[in-house]
PDB file of N, CA and C in Angstrom:
ATOM      1  N   MET A   1       0.476  16.658  -7.995  1.00  0.00           N
ATOM      2  CA  MET A   1       0.484  14.938  -8.281  1.00  0.00           C
ATOM      3  C   MET A   1      -0.058  14.496  -7.641  1.00  0.00           C
ATOM      4  N   SER A   2      -0.991  13.572  -6.976  1.00  0.00           N
ATOM      5  CA  SER A   2      -1.622  12.839  -6.130  1.00  0.00           C
ATOM      6  C   SER A   2      -0.867  12.213  -5.591  1.00  0.00           C
ATOM      7  N   LYS A   3      -1.263  12.165  -4.126  1.00  0.00           N
ATOM      8  CA  LYS A   3      -0.657  10.584  -3.459  1.00  0.00           C
ATOM      9  C   LYS A   3      -0.824   9.245  -4.084  1.00  0.00           C
ATOM     10  N   LEU A   4      -1.299   8.757  -4.752  1.00  0.00           N
ATOM     11  CA  LEU A   4      -1.212   7.693  -5.677  1.00  0.00           C
ATOM     12  C   LEU A   4      -0.056   7.582  -6.754  1.00  0.00           C
ATOM     13  N   SER A   5      -0.255   8.891  -7.547  1.00  0.00           N
ATOM     14  CA  SER A   5       0.720   8.429  -8.277  1.00  0.00           C
ATOM     15  C   SER A   5       2.134   8.410  -7.811  1.00  0.00           C
ATOM     16  N   ASP A   6       2.328   9.461  -6.659  1.00  0.00           N
ATOM     17  CA  ASP A   6       3.566   9.181  -5.749  1.00  0.00           C
ATOM     18  C   ASP A   6       3.913   8.485  -5.717  1.00  0.00           C
ATOM     19  N   ASN A   7       3.203   7.359  -4.737  1.00  0.00           N
ATOM     20  CA  ASN A   7       2.939   5.713  -4.007  1.00  0.00           C
ATOM     21  C   ASN A   7       3.663   5.420  -5.563  1.00  0.00           C
ATOM     22  N   LEU A   8       2.969   5.562  -6.663  1.00  0.00           N
ATOM     23  CA  LEU A   8       3.284   4.003  -7.632  1.00  0.00           C
ATOM     24  C   LEU A   8       5.147   4.598  -8.142  1.00  0.00           C
ATOM     25  N   ARG A   9       4.957   5.679  -8.459  1.00  0.00           N
ATOM     26  CA  ARG A   9       6.579   5.611  -8.917  1.00  0.00           C
ATOM     27  C   ARG A   9       7.638   5.970  -7.387  1.00  0.00           C
ATOM     28  N   PHE A  10       7.418   5.758  -6.319  1.00  0.00           N
ATOM     29  CA  PHE A  10       7.637   5.522  -5.255  1.00  0.00           C
ATOM     30  C   PHE A  10       7.978   3.874  -4.606  1.00  0.00           C
ATOM     31  N   LEU A  11       6.972   3.521  -4.939  1.00  0.00           N
ATOM     32  CA  LEU A  11       7.076   1.602  -5.272  1.00  0.00           C
ATOM     33  C   LEU A  11       8.104   1.077  -6.009  1.00  0.00           C
ATOM     34  N   ARG A  12       7.590   1.845  -7.446  1.00  0.00           N
ATOM     35  CA  ARG A  12       8.532   1.059  -8.664  1.00  0.00           C
ATOM     36  C   ARG A  12       9.769   1.039  -8.389  1.00  0.00           C
ATOM     37  N   ALA A  13      10.431   2.475  -8.167  1.00  0.00           N
ATOM     38  CA  ALA A  13      11.960   2.712  -7.705  1.00  0.00           C
ATOM     39  C   ALA A  13      12.547   1.962  -6.784  1.00  0.00           C
ATOM     40  N   GLY A  14      11.527   1.901  -5.572  1.00  0.00           N
ATOM     41  CA  GLY A  14      11.713   1.586  -4.600  1.00  0.00           C
ATOM     42  C   GLY A  14      12.700  -0.373  -5.186  1.00  0.00           C
ATOM     43  N   LYS A  15      11.284  -1.235  -6.227  1.00  0.00           N
ATOM     44  CA  LYS A  15      12.314  -2.314  -6.549  1.00  0.00           C
ATOM     45  C   LYS A  15      13.039  -2.230  -7.959  1.00  0.00           C
ATOM     46  N   GLN A  16      13.275  -0.823  -8.136  1.00  0.00           N
ATOM     47  CA  GLN A  16      14.196  -1.178  -9.099  1.00  0.00           C
ATOM     48  C   GLN A  16      13.542  -1.750 -10.696  1.00  0.00           C
ATOM     49  N   LEU A  17      12.220  -0.756 -10.630  1.00  0.00           N
ATOM     50  CA  LEU A  17      11.810  -1.669 -12.057  1.00  0.00           C
ATOM     51  C   LEU A  17      11.630  -0.473 -13.130  1.00  0.00           C
ATOM     52  N   SER A  18      11.527  -0.815 -13.875  1.00  0.00           N
ATOM     53  CA  SER A  18      11.144   0.312 -15.048  1.00  0.00           C
ATOM     54  C   SER A  18       9.600   0.147 -15.581  1.00  0.00           C
ATOM     55  N   GLN A  19       9.033   1.946 -15.744  1.00  0.00           N
ATOM     56  CA  GLN A  19       7.503   1.462 -16.074  1.00  0.00           C
ATOM     57  C   GLN A  19       6.896   0.693 -16.864  1.00  0.00           C
ATOM     58  N   GLN A  20       8.001  -0.419 -18.177  1.00  0.00           N
ATOM     59  CA  GLN A  20       7.047  -0.815 -18.823  1.00  0.00           C
ATOM     60  C   GLN A  20       7.323  -2.488 -17.914  1.00  0.00           C
ATOM     61  N   LYS A  21       8.170  -2.889 -17.055  1.00  0.00           N
ATOM     62  CA  LYS A  21       7.979  -3.805 -16.039  1.00  0.00           C
ATOM     63  C   LYS A  21       6.702  -4.361 -15.680  1.00  0.00           C
ATOM     64  N   VAL A  22       6.636  -3.055 -14.769  1.00  0.00           N
ATOM     65  CA  VAL A  22       5.348  -2.958 -13.957  1.00  0.00           C
ATOM     66  C   VAL A  22       4.668  -3.097 -14.794  1.00  0.00           C
ATOM     67  N   ALA A  23       4.226  -2.209 -15.942  1.00  0.00           N
ATOM     68  CA  ALA A  23       3.219  -2.375 -16.831  1.00  0.00           C
ATOM     69  C   ALA A  23       2.894  -3.876 -17.153  1.00  0.00           C
ATOM     70  N   ASP A  24       3.776  -4.862 -17.345  1.00  0.00           N
ATOM     71  CA  ASP A  24       3.778  -5.934 -18.107  1.00  0.00           C
ATOM     72  C   ASP A  24       3.473  -6.703 -16.733  1.00  0.00           C
ATOM     73  N   LEU A  25       3.805  -6.429 -15.826  1.00  0.00           N
ATOM     74  CA  LEU A  25       3.028  -7.195 -14.368  1.00  0.00           C
ATOM     75  C   LEU A  25       1.474  -6.992 -14.541  1.00  0.00           C
ATOM     76  N   LEU A  26       1.395  -5.999 -14.460  1.00  0.00           N
ATOM     77  CA  LEU A  26      -0.091  -5.623 -14.678  1.00  0.00           C
ATOM     78  C   LEU A  26      -0.899  -5.791 -15.798  1.00  0.00           C
ATOM     79  N   MET A  27      -0.195  -6.411 -16.821  1.00  0.00           N
ATOM     80  CA  MET A  27      -1.130  -6.521 -17.748  1.00  0.00           C
ATOM     81  C   MET A  27      -1.756  -5.595 -18.618  1.00  0.00           C
ATOM     82  N   ILE A  28      -1.100  -4.172 -18.172  1.00  0.00           N
ATOM     83  CA  ILE A  28      -1.188  -2.933 -19.076  1.00  0.00           C
ATOM     84  C   ILE A  28      -0.200  -2.211 -19.794  1.00  0.00           C
ATOM     85  N   THR A  29      -0.830  -1.485 -20.890  1.00  0.00           N
ATOM     86  CA  THR A  29       0.551  -1.042 -21.922  1.00  0.00           C
ATOM     87  C   THR A  29       1.344   0.235 -20.885  1.00  0.00           C
ATOM     88  N   ARG A  30       2.873   0.526 -21.260  1.00  0.00           N
ATOM     89  CA  ARG A  30       3.374   1.462 -20.651  1.00  0.00           C
ATOM     90  C   ARG A  30       3.022   2.678 -20.686  1.00  0.00           C
ATOM     91  N   VAL A  31       2.112   3.057 -21.657  1.00  0.00           N
ATOM     92  CA  VAL A  31       1.550   4.651 -21.711  1.00  0.00           C
ATOM     93  C   VAL A  31       0.701   4.527 -20.511  1.00  0.00           C
ATOM     94  N   ARG A  32      -0.442   3.793 -20.298  1.00  0.00           N
ATOM     95  CA  ARG A  32      -1.426   3.564 -19.550  1.00  0.00           C
ATOM     96  C   ARG A  32      -1.028   3.742 -17.916  1.00  0.00           C
ATOM     97  N   TYR A  33       0.194   2.907 -17.917  1.00  0.00           N
ATOM     98  CA  TYR A  33       1.104   3.087 -16.418  1.00  0.00           C
ATOM     99  C   TYR A  33       1.683   4.739 -16.321  1.00  0.00           C
ATOM    100  N   ALA A  34       1.698   5.309 -17.665  1.00  0.00           N
ATOM    101  CA  ALA A  34       2.874   6.430 -17.224  1.00  0.00           C
ATOM    102  C   ALA A  34       1.697   6.853 -16.842  1.00  0.00           C
ATOM    103  N   LYS A  35       0.429   7.064 -17.278  1.00  0.00           N
ATOM    104  CA  LYS A  35      -0.373   8.332 -16.979  1.00  0.00           C
ATOM    105  C   LYS A  35      -1.014   8.086 -15.343  1.00  0.00           C
ATOM    106  N   TYR A  36      -0.692   7.011 -15.133  1.00  0.00           N
ATOM    107  CA  TYR A  36      -1.046   6.966 -13.475  1.00  0.00           C
ATOM    108  C   TYR A  36      -0.223   7.580 -12.423  1.00  0.00           C
ATOM    109  N   GLU A  37       1.676   7.214 -13.222  1.00  0.00           N
ATOM    110  CA  GLU A  37       2.370   8.129 -12.759  1.00  0.00           C
ATOM    111  C   GLU A  37       2.459   9.190 -12.387  1.00  0.00           C
ATOM    112  N   ASP A  38       2.206   9.668 -13.691  1.00  0.00           N
ATOM    113  CA  ASP A  38       2.135  11.420 -14.028  1.00  0.00           C
ATOM    114  C   ASP A  38       0.772  11.674 -13.340  1.00  0.00           C
ATOM    115  N   GLY A  39      -0.482  11.129 -12.655  1.00  0.00           N
ATOM    116  CA  GLY A  39      -1.530  11.399 -11.886  1.00  0.00           C
ATOM    117  C   GLY A  39      -2.641  11.829 -13.614  1.00  0.00           C
ATOM    118  N   THR A  40      -2.412  11.582 -14.444  1.00  0.00           N
ATOM    119  CA  THR A  40      -2.884  12.593 -15.699  1.00  0.00           C
ATOM    120  C   THR A  40      -4.400  11.500 -15.360  1.00  0.00           C
ATOM    121  N   SER A  41      -4.328  10.462 -15.421  1.00  0.00           N
ATOM    122  CA  SER A  41      -5.294   9.438 -14.975  1.00  0.00           C
ATOM    123  C   SER A  41      -4.902   8.553 -14.350  1.00  0.00           C
ATOM    124  N   GLU A  42      -6.128   8.087 -13.490  1.00  0.00           N
ATOM    125  CA  GLU A  42      -6.310   6.884 -12.480  1.00  0.00           C
ATOM    126  C   GLU A  42      -7.006   5.621 -12.658  1.00  0.00           C
ATOM    127  N   PRO A  43      -6.040   5.021 -12.231  1.00  0.00           N
ATOM    128  CA  PRO A  43      -6.755   2.994 -12.232  1.00  0.00           C
ATOM    129  C   PRO A  43      -7.572   3.328 -11.833  1.00  0.00           C
ATOM    130  N   PRO A  44      -9.116   2.199 -12.565  1.00  0.00           N
ATOM    131  CA  PRO A  44      -9.782   1.545 -12.204  1.00  0.00           C
ATOM    132  C   PRO A  44     -10.040   0.984 -11.322  1.00  0.00           C
ATOM    133  N   ILE A  45     -10.222   0.015 -10.431  1.00  0.00           N
ATOM    134  CA  ILE A  45     -10.319  -0.418  -9.332  1.00  0.00           C
ATOM    135  C   ILE A  45      -9.852  -2.219  -9.255  1.00  0.00           C
ATOM    136  N   GLU A  46      -9.974  -2.751 -10.653  1.00  0.00           N
ATOM    137  CA  GLU A  46      -9.058  -4.115 -10.792  1.00  0.00           C
ATOM    138  C   GLU A  46      -7.912  -3.888 -11.190  1.00  0.00           C
ATOM    139  N   ILE A  47      -7.346  -2.518 -11.567  1.00  0.00           N
ATOM    140  CA  ILE A  47      -6.003  -2.197 -11.433  1.00  0.00           C
ATOM    141  C   ILE A  47      -5.287  -1.753 -10.617  1.00  0.00           C
ATOM    142  N   LEU A  48      -5.987  -0.858  -9.495  1.00  0.00           N
ATOM    143  CA  LEU A  48      -5.832  -0.809  -8.292  1.00  0.00           C
ATOM    144  C   LEU A  48      -5.285  -2.136  -7.414  1.00  0.00           C
ATOM    145  N   MET A  49      -6.235  -2.968  -7.137  1.00  0.00           N
ATOM    146  CA  MET A  49      -6.295  -4.586  -7.041  1.00  0.00           C
ATOM    147  C   MET A  49      -4.929  -5.022  -7.206  1.00  0.00           C
ATOM    148  N   ARG A  50      -4.505  -5.232  -8.398  1.00  0.00           N
ATOM    149  CA  ARG A  50      -3.174  -6.036  -8.912  1.00  0.00           C
ATOM    150  C   ARG A  50      -2.368  -5.229  -8.474  1.00  0.00           C
ATOM    151  N   ILE A  51      -2.409  -3.985  -8.730  1.00  0.00           N
ATOM    152  CA  ILE A  51      -1.034  -2.795  -8.140  1.00  0.00           C
ATOM    153  C   ILE A  51      -0.971  -3.148  -6.302  1.00  0.00           C
ATOM    154  N   SER A  52      -1.858  -3.364  -5.517  1.00  0.00           N
ATOM    155  CA  SER A  52      -1.648  -3.997  -4.603  1.00  0.00           C
ATOM    156  C   SER A  52      -1.381  -4.558  -3.905  1.00  0.00           C
ATOM    157  N   LYS A  53      -1.726  -5.815  -4.927  1.00  0.00           N
ATOM    158  CA  LYS A  53      -1.429  -6.795  -4.737  1.00  0.00           C
ATOM    159  C   LYS A  53       0.073  -7.334  -5.279  1.00  0.00           C
ATOM    160  N   TYR A  54       0.960  -6.428  -5.850  1.00  0.00           N
ATOM    161  CA  TYR A  54       2.068  -6.528  -6.606  1.00  0.00           C
ATOM    162  C   TYR A  54       3.115  -6.183  -5.291  1.00  0.00           C
ATOM    163  N   PHE A  55       2.654  -4.591  -4.876  1.00  0.00           N
ATOM    164  CA  PHE A  55       3.224  -3.972  -4.178  1.00  0.00           C
ATOM    165  C   PHE A  55       2.937  -4.426  -2.635  1.00  0.00           C
ATOM    166  N   SER A  56       2.449  -5.393  -2.332  1.00  0.00           N
ATOM    167  CA  SER A  56       2.124  -6.001  -1.049  1.00  0.00           C
ATOM    168  C   SER A  56       1.436  -5.026  -0.162  1.00  0.00           C
ATOM    169  N   VAL A  57       0.420  -3.727  -0.602  1.00  0.00           N
ATOM    170  CA  VAL A  57       0.666  -2.563  -0.003  1.00  0.00           C
ATOM    171  C   VAL A  57      -1.221  -2.787  -0.301  1.00  0.00           C
ATOM    172  N   SER A  58      -1.739  -2.286   0.817  1.00  0.00           N
ATOM    173  CA  SER A  58      -3.690  -1.899   0.848  1.00  0.00           C
ATOM    174  C   SER A  58      -3.891  -0.566  -0.360  1.00  0.00           C
ATOM    175  N   ILE A  59      -4.639  -0.891  -0.825  1.00  0.00           N
ATOM    176  CA  ILE A  59      -5.493   0.498  -1.932  1.00  0.00           C
ATOM    177  C   ILE A  59      -5.326   1.118  -1.082  1.00  0.00           C
ATOM    178  N   ASP A  60      -6.352   1.179   0.305  1.00  0.00           N
ATOM    179  CA  ASP A  60      -6.134   2.542   0.929  1.00  0.00           C
ATOM    180  C   ASP A  60      -5.131   3.289   0.929  1.00  0.00           C
ATOM    181  N   LEU A  61      -3.800   2.780   1.397  1.00  0.00           N
ATOM    182  CA  LEU A  61      -2.768   2.984   1.485  1.00  0.00           C
ATOM    183  C   LEU A  61      -2.198   3.768   0.856  1.00  0.00           C
ATOM    184  N   LEU A  62      -2.785   3.019  -0.597  1.00  0.00           N
ATOM    185  CA  LEU A  62      -2.320   3.457  -2.022  1.00  0.00           C
ATOM    186  C   LEU A  62      -2.462   4.571  -2.217  1.00  0.00           C
ATOM    187  N   VAL A  63      -3.562   5.127  -1.724  1.00  0.00           N
ATOM    188  CA  VAL A  63      -4.852   6.507  -1.997  1.00  0.00           C
ATOM    189  C   VAL A  63      -4.354   7.484  -1.462  1.00  0.00           C
ATOM    190  N   ALA A  64      -4.359   6.859   0.103  1.00  0.00           N
ATOM    191  CA  ALA A  64      -4.541   7.846   1.252  1.00  0.00           C
ATOM    192  C   ALA A  64      -3.398   8.653   1.631  1.00  0.00           C
ATOM    193  N   VAL A  65      -2.411   7.445   1.983  1.00  0.00           N
ATOM    194  CA  VAL A  65      -0.937   8.066   2.490  1.00  0.00           C
ATOM    195  C   VAL A  65       0.258   7.664   1.483  1.00  0.00           C
ATOM    196  N   ASP A  66       0.993   9.025   2.195  1.00  0.00           N
ATOM    197  CA  ASP A  66       2.319   9.259   1.285  1.00  0.00           C
ATOM    198  C   ASP A  66       3.710   8.014   2.303  1.00  0.00           C
ATOM    199  N   LEU A  67       3.752   6.982   1.378  1.00  0.00           N
ATOM    200  CA  LEU A  67       4.594   5.900   2.085  1.00  0.00           C
ATOM    201  C   LEU A  67       6.064   5.805   1.986  1.00  0.00           C
ATOM    202  N   ARG A  68       6.101   7.551   1.157  1.00  0.00           N
ATOM    203  CA  ARG A  68       8.007   7.697   1.301  1.00  0.00           C
ATOM    204  C   ARG A  68       8.591   7.689   2.900  1.00  0.00           C
ATOM    205  N   LYS A  69       7.033   8.257   3.662  1.00  0.00           N
ATOM    206  CA  LYS A  69       7.657   8.768   5.117  1.00  0.00           C
ATOM    207  C   LYS A  69       7.546   7.378   5.916  1.00  0.00           C
ATOM    208  N   TYR A  70       7.186   6.446   5.154  1.00  0.00           N
ATOM    209  CA  TYR A  70       7.223   5.242   6.177  1.00  0.00           C
ATOM    210  C   TYR A  70       8.468   4.039   5.821  1.00  0.00           C
ATOM    211  N   PRO A  71       9.199   3.625   6.498  1.00  0.00           N
ATOM    212  CA  PRO A  71       9.412   2.213   6.000  1.00  0.00           C
ATOM    213  C   PRO A  71       9.320   1.388   4.746  1.00  0.00           C
ATOM    214  N   LEU A  72       9.997   1.767   4.396  1.00  0.00           N
ATOM    215  CA  LEU A  72       9.466   0.636   3.377  1.00  0.00           C
ATOM    216  C   LEU A  72       9.975  -0.693   2.523  1.00  0.00           C
ATOM    217  N   GLU A  73      10.871  -1.128   3.788  1.00  0.00           N
ATOM    218  CA  GLU A  73      11.007  -2.446   3.892  1.00  0.00           C
ATOM    219  C   GLU A  73      10.046  -3.483   4.913  1.00  0.00           C
ATOM    220  N   GLU A  74       9.271  -2.753   5.691  1.00  0.00           N
ATOM    221  CA  GLU A  74       8.582  -2.759   7.107  1.00  0.00           C
ATOM    222  C   GLU A  74       7.491  -3.353   6.322  1.00  0.00           C
ATOM    223  N   MET A  75       7.145  -2.501   5.128  1.00  0.00           N
ATOM    224  CA  MET A  75       5.254  -2.853   4.466  1.00  0.00           C
ATOM    225  C   MET A  75       5.899  -3.689   3.414  1.00  0.00           C
ATOM    226  N   LEU A  76       6.945  -3.753   2.733  1.00  0.00           N
ATOM    227  CA  LEU A  76       7.125  -4.747   1.661  1.00  0.00           C
ATOM    228  C   LEU A  76       7.407  -6.313   2.004  1.00  0.00           C
ATOM    229  N   ASN A  77       7.750  -6.013   3.054  1.00  0.00           N
ATOM    230  CA  ASN A  77       7.933  -7.782   4.116  1.00  0.00           C
ATOM    231  C   ASN A  77       7.135  -8.645   5.111  1.00  0.00           C
ATOM    232  N   LEU A  78       5.828  -7.618   4.768  1.00  0.00           N
ATOM    233  CA  LEU A  78       4.126  -8.650   5.378  1.00  0.00           C
ATOM    234  C   LEU A  78       4.379  -9.581   4.945  1.00  0.00           C
ATOM    235  N   PRO A  79       3.613 -10.881   5.586  1.00  0.00           N
ATOM    236  CA  PRO A  79       3.303 -11.502   4.615  1.00  0.00           C
ATOM    237  C   PRO A  79       2.072 -11.031   4.241  1.00  0.00           C
ATOM    238  N   ASP A  80       1.473 -12.077   3.208  1.00  0.00           N
ATOM    239  CA  ASP A  80      -0.259 -11.738   2.438  1.00  0.00           C
ATOM    240  C   ASP A  80      -0.760 -11.390   3.832  1.00  0.00           C
ATOM    241  N   ASN A  81      -1.511 -12.148   4.545  1.00  0.00           N
ATOM    242  CA  ASN A  81      -2.207 -11.872   5.296  1.00  0.00           C
ATOM    243  C   ASN A  81      -2.415 -11.350   6.612  1.00  0.00           C
ATOM    244  N   ARG A  82      -1.411 -10.108   5.689  1.00  0.00           N
ATOM    245  CA  ARG A  82      -1.018  -9.050   6.924  1.00  0.00           C
ATOM    246  C   ARG A  82      -1.827  -7.540   6.527  1.00  0.00           C
ATOM    247  N   ILE A  83      -2.811  -6.757   7.448  1.00  0.00           N
ATOM    248  CA  ILE A  83      -3.288  -5.463   6.743  1.00  0.00           C
ATOM    249  C   ILE A  83      -2.251  -4.153   7.760  1.00  0.00           C
ATOM    250  N   LEU A  84      -1.652  -3.383   6.902  1.00  0.00           N
ATOM    251  CA  LEU A  84      -1.142  -2.299   7.473  1.00  0.00           C
ATOM    252  C   LEU A  84      -2.730  -1.355   7.411  1.00  0.00           C
ATOM    253  N   VAL A  85      -2.132  -0.561   8.817  1.00  0.00           N
ATOM    254  CA  VAL A  85      -3.422  -0.304   9.601  1.00  0.00           C
ATOM    255  C   VAL A  85      -2.237   1.904   9.582  1.00  0.00           C
ATOM    256  N   PRO A  86      -3.226   2.591   9.177  1.00  0.00           N
ATOM    257  CA  PRO A  86      -2.159   3.868   9.975  1.00  0.00           C
ATOM    258  C   PRO A  86      -2.820   4.461  10.663  1.00  0.00           C
ATOM    259  N   ILE A  87      -2.420   4.580  12.166  1.00  0.00           N
ATOM    260  CA  ILE A  87      -2.818   4.816  13.336  1.00  0.00           C
ATOM    261  C   ILE A  87      -2.048   6.290  13.786  1.00  0.00           C
ATOM    262  N   LYS A  88      -1.898   6.647  12.974  1.00  0.00           N
ATOM    263  CA  LYS A  88      -1.452   8.492  13.596  1.00  0.00           C
ATOM    264  C   LYS A  88      -2.796   9.436  13.932  1.00  0.00           C
ATOM    265  N   ARG A  89      -3.897   9.001  13.779  1.00  0.00           N
ATOM    266  CA  ARG A  89      -4.690   9.528  14.383  1.00  0.00           C
ATOM    267  C   ARG A  89      -5.837   8.861  14.976  1.00  0.00           C
ATOM    268  N   TRP A  90      -5.422   7.336  15.688  1.00  0.00           N
ATOM    269  CA  TRP A  90      -6.406   6.588  16.446  1.00  0.00           C
ATOM    270  C   TRP A  90      -5.788   7.232  17.745  1.00  0.00           C
ATOM    271  N   THR A  91      -6.533   6.973  18.837  1.00  0.00           N
ATOM    272  CA  THR A  91      -7.113   7.061  19.928  1.00  0.00           C
ATOM    273  C   THR A  91      -6.466   5.349  20.482  1.00  0.00           C
ATOM    274  N   LEU A  92      -5.839   5.404  21.919  1.00  0.00           N
ATOM    275  CA  LEU A  92      -5.434   4.358  22.480  1.00  0.00           C
ATOM    276  C   LEU A  92      -6.665   3.355  22.333  1.00  0.00           C
ATOM    277  N   PRO A  93      -8.036   4.011  23.249  1.00  0.00           N
ATOM    278  CA  PRO A  93      -8.760   3.200  23.294  1.00  0.00           C
ATOM    279  C   PRO A  93      -9.187   2.233  22.223  1.00  0.00           C
ATOM    280  N   VAL A  94      -9.583   2.667  20.885  1.00  0.00           N
ATOM    281  CA  VAL A  94      -9.729   2.419  19.436  1.00  0.00           C
ATOM    282  C   VAL A  94      -8.437   1.440  19.290  1.00  0.00           C
ATOM    283  N   ILE A  95      -7.438   1.510  19.395  1.00  0.00           N
ATOM    284  CA  ILE A  95      -6.250   0.622  19.223  1.00  0.00           C
ATOM    285  C   ILE A  95      -6.137  -0.272  19.967  1.00  0.00           C
ATOM    286  N   ILE A  96      -7.144  -0.565  21.261  1.00  0.00           N
ATOM    287  CA  ILE A  96      -6.939  -1.697  22.206  1.00  0.00           C
ATOM    288  C   ILE A  96      -8.286  -2.224  21.510  1.00  0.00           C
ATOM    289  N   ARG A  97      -8.924  -1.045  21.094  1.00  0.00           N
ATOM    290  CA  ARG A  97     -10.614  -2.435  20.717  1.00  0.00           C
ATOM    291  C   ARG A  97     -10.224  -3.255  19.636  1.00  0.00           C
ATOM    292  N   LEU A  98      -9.576  -2.343  18.888  1.00  0.00           N
ATOM    293  CA  LEU A  98      -9.139  -3.361  17.345  1.00  0.00           C
ATOM    294  C   LEU A  98      -8.318  -4.550  17.395  1.00  0.00           C
ATOM    295  N   LYS A  99      -7.330  -4.884  18.325  1.00  0.00           N
ATOM    296  CA  LYS A  99      -6.393  -5.031  18.944  1.00  0.00           C
ATOM    297  C   LYS A  99      -7.393  -6.785  19.170  1.00  0.00           C
ATOM    298  N   SER A 100      -8.155  -6.016  21.024  1.00  0.00           N
ATOM    299  CA  SER A 100      -9.721  -7.256  20.833  1.00  0.00           C
ATOM    300  C   SER A 100      -9.978  -7.921  20.340  1.00  0.00           C
ATOM    301  N   PHE A 101     -10.413  -7.674  19.140  1.00  0.00           N
ATOM    302  CA  PHE A 101     -11.764  -7.578  17.913  1.00  0.00           C
ATOM    303  C   PHE A 101     -10.482  -8.400  17.174  1.00  0.00           C
ATOM    304  N   LEU A 102      -9.690  -8.086  16.510  1.00  0.00           N
ATOM    305  CA  LEU A 102      -8.697  -9.063  15.853  1.00  0.00           C
ATOM    306  C   LEU A 102      -8.002 -10.508  16.895  1.00  0.00           C
ATOM    307  N   ARG A 103      -7.974 -10.419  17.990  1.00  0.00           N
ATOM    308  CA  ARG A 103      -7.128 -11.698  18.149  1.00  0.00           C
ATOM    309  C   ARG A 103      -8.217 -12.485  18.265  1.00  0.00           C
ATOM    310  N   LYS A 104      -9.451 -12.247  18.607  1.00  0.00           N
ATOM    311  CA  LYS A 104     -10.708 -13.074  18.950  1.00  0.00           C
ATOM    312  C   LYS A 104     -10.758 -13.981  17.708  1.00  0.00           C
ATOM    313  N   ARG A 105     -10.604 -13.209  16.929  1.00  0.00           N
ATOM    314  CA  ARG A 105     -10.438 -13.858  15.450  1.00  0.00           C
ATOM    315  C   ARG A 105      -8.514 -15.003  15.021  1.00  0.00           C
ATOM    316  N   ARG A 106      -8.149 -14.650  16.048  1.00  0.00           N
ATOM    317  CA  ARG A 106      -6.995 -15.575  15.685  1.00  0.00           C
ATOM    318  C   ARG A 106      -6.175 -15.379  15.095  1.00  0.00           C
ATOM    319  N   TRP A 107      -6.079 -13.555  14.677  1.00  0.00           N
ATOM    320  CA  TRP A 107      -5.204 -12.845  13.382  1.00  0.00           C
ATOM    321  C   TRP A 107      -3.788 -12.456  14.347  1.00  0.00           C
ATOM    322  N   VAL A 108      -2.952 -12.480  13.393  1.00  0.00           N
ATOM    323  CA  VAL A 108      -1.869 -11.652  14.385  1.00  0.00           C
ATOM    324  C   VAL A 108      -1.065 -10.953  14.260  1.00  0.00           C
ATOM    325  N   ILE A 109      -1.011 -10.253  15.509  1.00  0.00           N
ATOM    326  CA  ILE A 109      -1.195  -9.010  15.644  1.00  0.00           C
ATOM    327  C   ILE A 109       0.636  -7.944  15.869  1.00  0.00           C
ATOM    328  N   SER A 110       0.859  -7.362  15.563  1.00  0.00           N
ATOM    329  CA  SER A 110       2.288  -6.749  16.397  1.00  0.00           C
ATOM    330  C   SER A 110       1.961  -5.647  15.539  1.00  0.00           C
ATOM    331  N   THR A 111       2.779  -4.254  16.894  1.00  0.00           N
ATOM    332  CA  THR A 111       2.708  -2.782  16.917  1.00  0.00           C
ATOM    333  C   THR A 111       4.526  -2.616  16.574  1.00  0.00           C
ATOM    334  N   ALA A 112       4.260  -1.750  15.347  1.00  0.00           N
ATOM    335  CA  ALA A 112       5.648  -0.687  14.855  1.00  0.00           C
ATOM    336  C   ALA A 112       4.964   0.887  14.900  1.00  0.00           C
ATOM    337  N   THR A 113       5.741   1.632  15.314  1.00  0.00           N
ATOM    338  CA  THR A 113       5.347   3.075  15.064  1.00  0.00           C
ATOM    339  C   THR A 113       5.967   4.003  13.696  1.00  0.00           C
ATOM    340  N   PRO A 114       4.881   4.528  13.207  1.00  0.00           N
ATOM    341  CA  PRO A 114       3.806   4.819  13.314  1.00  0.00           C
ATOM    342  C   PRO A 114       2.657   4.100  12.632  1.00  0.00           C
ATOM    343  N   ILE A 115       3.329   2.470  12.220  1.00  0.00           N
ATOM    344  CA  ILE A 115       1.840   1.670  11.372  1.00  0.00           C
ATOM    345  C   ILE A 115       1.736   0.457  12.741  1.00  0.00           C
ATOM    346  N   LEU A 116       0.553  -0.154  12.420  1.00  0.00           N
ATOM    347  CA  LEU A 116      -0.124  -0.870  12.755  1.00  0.00           C
ATOM    348  C   LEU A 116      -0.499  -2.008  12.118  1.00  0.00           C
ATOM    349  N   ASN A 117       0.618  -3.245  12.435  1.00  0.00           N
ATOM    350  CA  ASN A 117       0.891  -4.362  11.266  1.00  0.00           C
ATOM    351  C   ASN A 117      -0.384  -5.764  12.136  1.00  0.00           C
ATOM    352  N   ILE A 118      -1.235  -5.358  11.487  1.00  0.00           N
ATOM    353  CA  ILE A 118      -2.527  -6.156  11.787  1.00  0.00           C
ATOM    354  C   ILE A 118      -1.997  -7.710  11.135  1.00  0.00           C
TER     355      ILE A 118
END
């Protein structure tokens, strides 16, 4: 299975929703959603955007990070105007430059390990 399919199943279970309920919220059939969770099909970008918005997790994290390894409550409770950036492989100078760049644009920045909540 892919990280995306694992993440979809994990996020849905975290909200205690059935596949049918998530499919209804995404305006697709349950069978189609089940294929995304099983890894037999990949959602188009439009569906990925709906999934991302519903679960409040960026698309890059949905497809690239195993969300089971990070505290779900931290990610789900972020306001809509925040971005999650995995920093596991980032060096301190890169993080400092990123924070400086975002402060100049008046974005809210708070740090958590191993995720930088921007």
